Amino acid sequence: MLRKLTVAAFAVLFMTGALHAQNVAYKTVTGEQVKLNVDKMMSKINWSKDFNELKKKAQAEKKMIFWVDIVGDIDGGL
């Protein structure tokens, strides 16, 4: 019974177009453009290297800390 329901559900999804591949146009980005994008993104964030100082500032301003852990070289992928 469960198998019949599963097949029926997939048939409905397939017939309604829910499982069809979407037309997605991928844009090729050069390494230089990636570097410019990364530099722009990194410059707009006020990064802190001292966690204790950051905790004090967050408590004083009653704000949360947004933690980002970046592994590797962010602009070395291309």
N, C-alpha and C. Protein backbone atom coordinates (compact mmCIF):
# COMPACT_ATOMS: atom_id res chain seq x y z
N MET A 1 0.82 -1.20 0.00
CA MET A 1 0.00 0.00 0.00
C MET A 1 0.87 1.27 0.00
N LEU A 2 1.89 1.26 0.87
CA LEU A 2 2.78 2.41 0.94
C LEU A 2 3.51 2.62 -0.39
N ARG A 3 3.90 1.53 -1.01
CA ARG A 3 4.60 1.63 -2.30
C ARG A 3 3.69 2.24 -3.36
N LYS A 4 2.43 1.85 -3.36
CA LYS A 4 1.48 2.41 -4.32
C LYS A 4 1.29 3.90 -4.09
N LEU A 5 1.22 4.32 -2.84
CA LEU A 5 1.07 5.74 -2.53
C LEU A 5 2.31 6.53 -2.96
N THR A 6 3.48 5.94 -2.75
CA THR A 6 4.72 6.60 -3.15
C THR A 6 4.78 6.77 -4.65
N VAL A 7 4.44 5.72 -5.38
CA VAL A 7 4.43 5.79 -6.85
C VAL A 7 3.41 6.82 -7.31
N ALA A 8 2.24 6.83 -6.70
CA ALA A 8 1.21 7.78 -7.08
C ALA A 8 1.67 9.22 -6.81
N ALA A 9 2.34 9.43 -5.67
CA ALA A 9 2.83 10.78 -5.34
C ALA A 9 3.86 11.24 -6.36
N PHE A 10 4.80 10.35 -6.73
CA PHE A 10 5.78 10.72 -7.74
C PHE A 10 5.14 10.96 -9.10
N ALA A 11 4.12 10.21 -9.42
CA ALA A 11 3.42 10.41 -10.69
C ALA A 11 2.76 11.78 -10.72
N VAL A 12 2.14 12.17 -9.62
CA VAL A 12 1.50 13.48 -9.55
C VAL A 12 2.55 14.58 -9.67
N LEU A 13 3.66 14.44 -8.94
CA LEU A 13 4.72 15.45 -9.02
C LEU A 13 5.31 15.53 -10.43
N PHE A 14 5.49 14.40 -11.05
CA PHE A 14 6.06 14.38 -12.39
C PHE A 14 5.10 15.01 -13.40
N MET A 15 3.83 14.68 -13.29
CA MET A 15 2.84 15.18 -14.25
C MET A 15 2.60 16.68 -14.08
N THR A 16 2.74 17.18 -12.86
CA THR A 16 2.52 18.61 -12.64
C THR A 16 3.75 19.45 -12.95
N GLY A 17 4.86 18.78 -13.22
CA GLY A 17 6.07 19.52 -13.56
C GLY A 17 6.95 19.83 -12.38
N ALA A 18 6.59 19.36 -11.21
CA ALA A 18 7.36 19.67 -10.01
C ALA A 18 8.74 19.01 -10.02
N LEU A 19 8.90 17.92 -10.76
CA LEU A 19 10.18 17.23 -10.78
C LEU A 19 10.99 17.51 -12.05
N HIS A 20 10.49 18.35 -12.92
CA HIS A 20 11.22 18.67 -14.15
C HIS A 20 12.42 19.55 -13.82
N ALA A 21 13.48 19.37 -14.57
CA ALA A 21 14.67 20.21 -14.38
C ALA A 21 14.33 21.64 -14.77
N GLN A 22 14.80 22.55 -13.97
CA GLN A 22 14.56 23.96 -14.26
C GLN A 22 15.62 24.46 -15.22
N ASN A 23 15.25 25.45 -16.01
CA ASN A 23 16.22 26.08 -16.90
C ASN A 23 17.04 27.06 -16.07
N VAL A 24 18.27 26.68 -15.82
CA VAL A 24 19.16 27.51 -15.01
C VAL A 24 20.35 27.89 -15.88
N ALA A 25 20.59 29.17 -15.99
CA ALA A 25 21.73 29.65 -16.75
C ALA A 25 22.87 29.93 -15.77
N TYR A 26 23.95 29.21 -15.93
CA TYR A 26 25.10 29.41 -15.06
C TYR A 26 26.05 30.40 -15.71
N LYS A 27 26.52 31.32 -14.90
CA LYS A 27 27.42 32.35 -15.39
C LYS A 27 28.85 31.98 -14.99
N THR A 28 29.74 32.01 -15.94
CA THR A 28 31.14 31.74 -15.65
C THR A 28 31.77 33.02 -15.08
N VAL A 29 32.45 32.86 -13.97
CA VAL A 29 33.07 34.00 -13.30
C VAL A 29 34.58 33.78 -13.30
N THR A 30 35.31 34.81 -13.66
CA THR A 30 36.77 34.70 -13.70
C THR A 30 37.33 34.78 -12.29
N GLY A 31 38.55 34.32 -12.14
CA GLY A 31 39.23 34.39 -10.85
C GLY A 31 39.36 35.81 -10.36
N GLU A 32 39.61 36.74 -11.28
CA GLU A 32 39.74 38.15 -10.91
C GLU A 32 38.43 38.69 -10.38
N GLN A 33 37.30 38.28 -11.00
CA GLN A 33 35.99 38.74 -10.51
C GLN A 33 35.69 38.16 -9.13
N VAL A 34 36.09 36.89 -8.92
CA VAL A 34 35.90 36.28 -7.60
C VAL A 34 36.68 37.07 -6.56
N LYS A 35 37.92 37.42 -6.88
CA LYS A 35 38.74 38.19 -5.94
C LYS A 35 38.09 39.54 -5.63
N LEU A 36 37.58 40.22 -6.65
CA LEU A 36 36.91 41.51 -6.42
C LEU A 36 35.67 41.33 -5.53
N ASN A 37 34.90 40.27 -5.78
CA ASN A 37 33.70 40.01 -4.99
C ASN A 37 34.05 39.71 -3.53
N VAL A 38 35.10 38.90 -3.34
CA VAL A 38 35.52 38.55 -1.98
C VAL A 38 36.04 39.78 -1.26
N ASP A 39 36.86 40.58 -1.92
CA ASP A 39 37.39 41.80 -1.30
C ASP A 39 36.25 42.75 -0.89
N LYS A 40 35.25 42.87 -1.76
CA LYS A 40 34.11 43.74 -1.48
C LYS A 40 33.34 43.22 -0.26
N MET A 41 33.09 41.91 -0.24
CA MET A 41 32.34 41.32 0.87
C MET A 41 33.10 41.47 2.18
N MET A 42 34.40 41.17 2.16
CA MET A 42 35.19 41.20 3.39
C MET A 42 35.37 42.62 3.92
N SER A 43 35.37 43.61 3.04
CA SER A 43 35.58 44.99 3.48
C SER A 43 34.32 45.59 4.11
N LYS A 44 33.16 45.00 3.85
CA LYS A 44 31.91 45.55 4.38
C LYS A 44 31.56 45.01 5.76
N ILE A 45 32.36 44.09 6.26
CA ILE A 45 32.11 43.50 7.56
C ILE A 45 33.20 43.97 8.52
N ASN A 46 32.78 44.43 9.69
CA ASN A 46 33.73 44.87 10.70
C ASN A 46 34.21 43.63 11.47
N TRP A 47 35.31 43.02 11.00
CA TRP A 47 35.83 41.80 11.59
C TRP A 47 36.57 42.11 12.88
N SER A 48 36.50 41.19 13.81
CA SER A 48 37.23 41.33 15.06
C SER A 48 38.12 40.12 15.26
N LYS A 49 39.32 40.34 15.74
CA LYS A 49 40.24 39.23 16.00
C LYS A 49 40.35 38.92 17.49
N ASP A 50 39.78 39.78 18.34
CA ASP A 50 39.84 39.58 19.77
C ASP A 50 38.45 39.21 20.28
N PHE A 51 38.24 37.92 20.57
CA PHE A 51 36.93 37.44 20.96
C PHE A 51 36.47 38.02 22.28
N ASN A 52 37.36 38.15 23.24
CA ASN A 52 36.98 38.72 24.54
C ASN A 52 36.52 40.16 24.41
N GLU A 53 37.22 40.93 23.60
CA GLU A 53 36.82 42.32 23.36
C GLU A 53 35.45 42.36 22.67
N LEU A 54 35.27 41.46 21.74
CA LEU A 54 34.01 41.38 21.01
C LEU A 54 32.85 41.03 21.94
N LYS A 55 33.08 40.09 22.89
CA LYS A 55 32.03 39.72 23.85
C LYS A 55 31.63 40.91 24.70
N LYS A 56 32.61 41.68 25.15
CA LYS A 56 32.32 42.86 25.97
C LYS A 56 31.50 43.89 25.18
N LYS A 57 31.91 44.10 23.94
CA LYS A 57 31.20 45.07 23.09
C LYS A 57 29.77 44.61 22.83
N ALA A 58 29.59 43.32 22.57
CA ALA A 58 28.26 42.77 22.30
C ALA A 58 27.36 42.90 23.52
N GLN A 59 27.92 42.64 24.70
CA GLN A 59 27.13 42.77 25.93
C GLN A 59 26.74 44.23 26.17
N ALA A 60 27.68 45.12 25.94
CA ALA A 60 27.41 46.55 26.16
C ALA A 60 26.33 47.06 25.21
N GLU A 61 26.34 46.56 23.97
CA GLU A 61 25.37 47.02 22.97
C GLU A 61 24.13 46.13 22.92
N LYS A 62 24.10 45.10 23.79
CA LYS A 62 23.00 44.13 23.82
C LYS A 62 22.74 43.53 22.43
N LYS A 63 23.84 43.08 21.83
CA LYS A 63 23.78 42.46 20.50
C LYS A 63 24.37 41.06 20.57
N MET A 64 24.00 40.26 19.60
CA MET A 64 24.56 38.92 19.50
C MET A 64 25.85 38.96 18.68
N ILE A 65 26.62 37.91 18.80
CA ILE A 65 27.84 37.76 18.01
C ILE A 65 27.53 36.82 16.85
N PHE A 66 27.84 37.25 15.65
CA PHE A 66 27.68 36.42 14.46
C PHE A 66 29.03 35.77 14.17
N TRP A 67 29.09 34.46 14.34
CA TRP A 67 30.34 33.72 14.22
C TRP A 67 30.46 33.13 12.82
N VAL A 68 31.55 33.43 12.13
CA VAL A 68 31.83 32.84 10.82
C VAL A 68 33.18 32.16 10.93
N ASP A 69 33.21 30.90 10.59
CA ASP A 69 34.45 30.13 10.64
C ASP A 69 34.82 29.78 9.20
N ILE A 70 35.83 30.45 8.68
CA ILE A 70 36.24 30.25 7.29
C ILE A 70 37.47 29.35 7.30
N VAL A 71 37.36 28.26 6.60
CA VAL A 71 38.47 27.30 6.52
C VAL A 71 39.13 27.45 5.16
N GLY A 72 40.41 27.62 5.15
CA GLY A 72 41.13 27.72 3.88
C GLY A 72 41.22 29.13 3.36
N ASP A 73 41.64 29.24 2.13
CA ASP A 73 41.83 30.52 1.47
C ASP A 73 40.56 30.83 0.68
N ILE A 74 39.78 31.81 1.16
CA ILE A 74 38.48 32.08 0.57
C ILE A 74 38.55 32.50 -0.89
N ASP A 75 39.61 33.15 -1.31
CA ASP A 75 39.68 33.57 -2.72
C ASP A 75 40.65 32.73 -3.53
N GLY A 76 41.07 31.60 -3.02
CA GLY A 76 42.02 30.77 -3.75
C GLY A 76 41.37 29.64 -4.54
N GLY A 77 40.05 29.66 -4.67
CA GLY A 77 39.34 28.57 -5.32
C GLY A 77 39.45 28.56 -6.83
N LEU A 78 39.69 29.70 -7.43
CA LEU A 78 39.76 29.75 -8.90
C LEU A 78 41.12 30.18 -9.37
